[in-house]
């Protein structure tokens, strides 16, 4: 199926490109336009995140989203359109908003980026992941939803497949069970990668908590 990617910023068309990588490079270039050069192509590389690359790598797409969130945009959307759609039918096959799309894999990446760039405590970052996911899933309860749990989980799997990054959503399993454990799965994935990337800092924090009687 032939497709093209539409980019929209704050509701306005900002370009059309051939694939998702080109779309995110276009977005990154505009975010870094004041600096010049080609940093937008090398961001998320081992020079910027040596610890995370040792721990398993970094998603370029997640890194661009992390930068986009810091720039104060209302929305930055990428929309994949099928080019062979019959007239009168919706052409959209994929939609993602870099500012407010719920994406558990990205939440883990964001916490890891923040751990790299700031001195925030790992426990606080892990707790925030758990809290954000709990809040989103709680907001789904008791409402008439436009998609089933199965469709919702498959959409999250699609994000993970398209953008890479930490694998939070299991490839198999009942949607109800996955959603029930999703916050804990994401928190555990963050801690797993953090221990590989920042072992000394993680141990120092764990030792300090143990000394202060904080339960793990």
Foldseek 3Di string as FASTA:
>chain_A
DAKKKWKAFLRHTDDIGRDDVVVLLVLLCVLCVVVDDRVSVCPQHCVLQVLLVQLPGAFSSLRSLLSVQVPDTPWIKIFMFDPPDDPPDGRTDDMDTSHDDDALQSLLRNLVVCVSVDVDDLVVSLVVSLVVLVVVVVVPPPDDDPDDLVVVLVNNVVCCVRGPGQDQRDPDDDSVVCSVCRSVSSSVSSVSSCCRRPVVSVVVVVVVCVVVVHDD
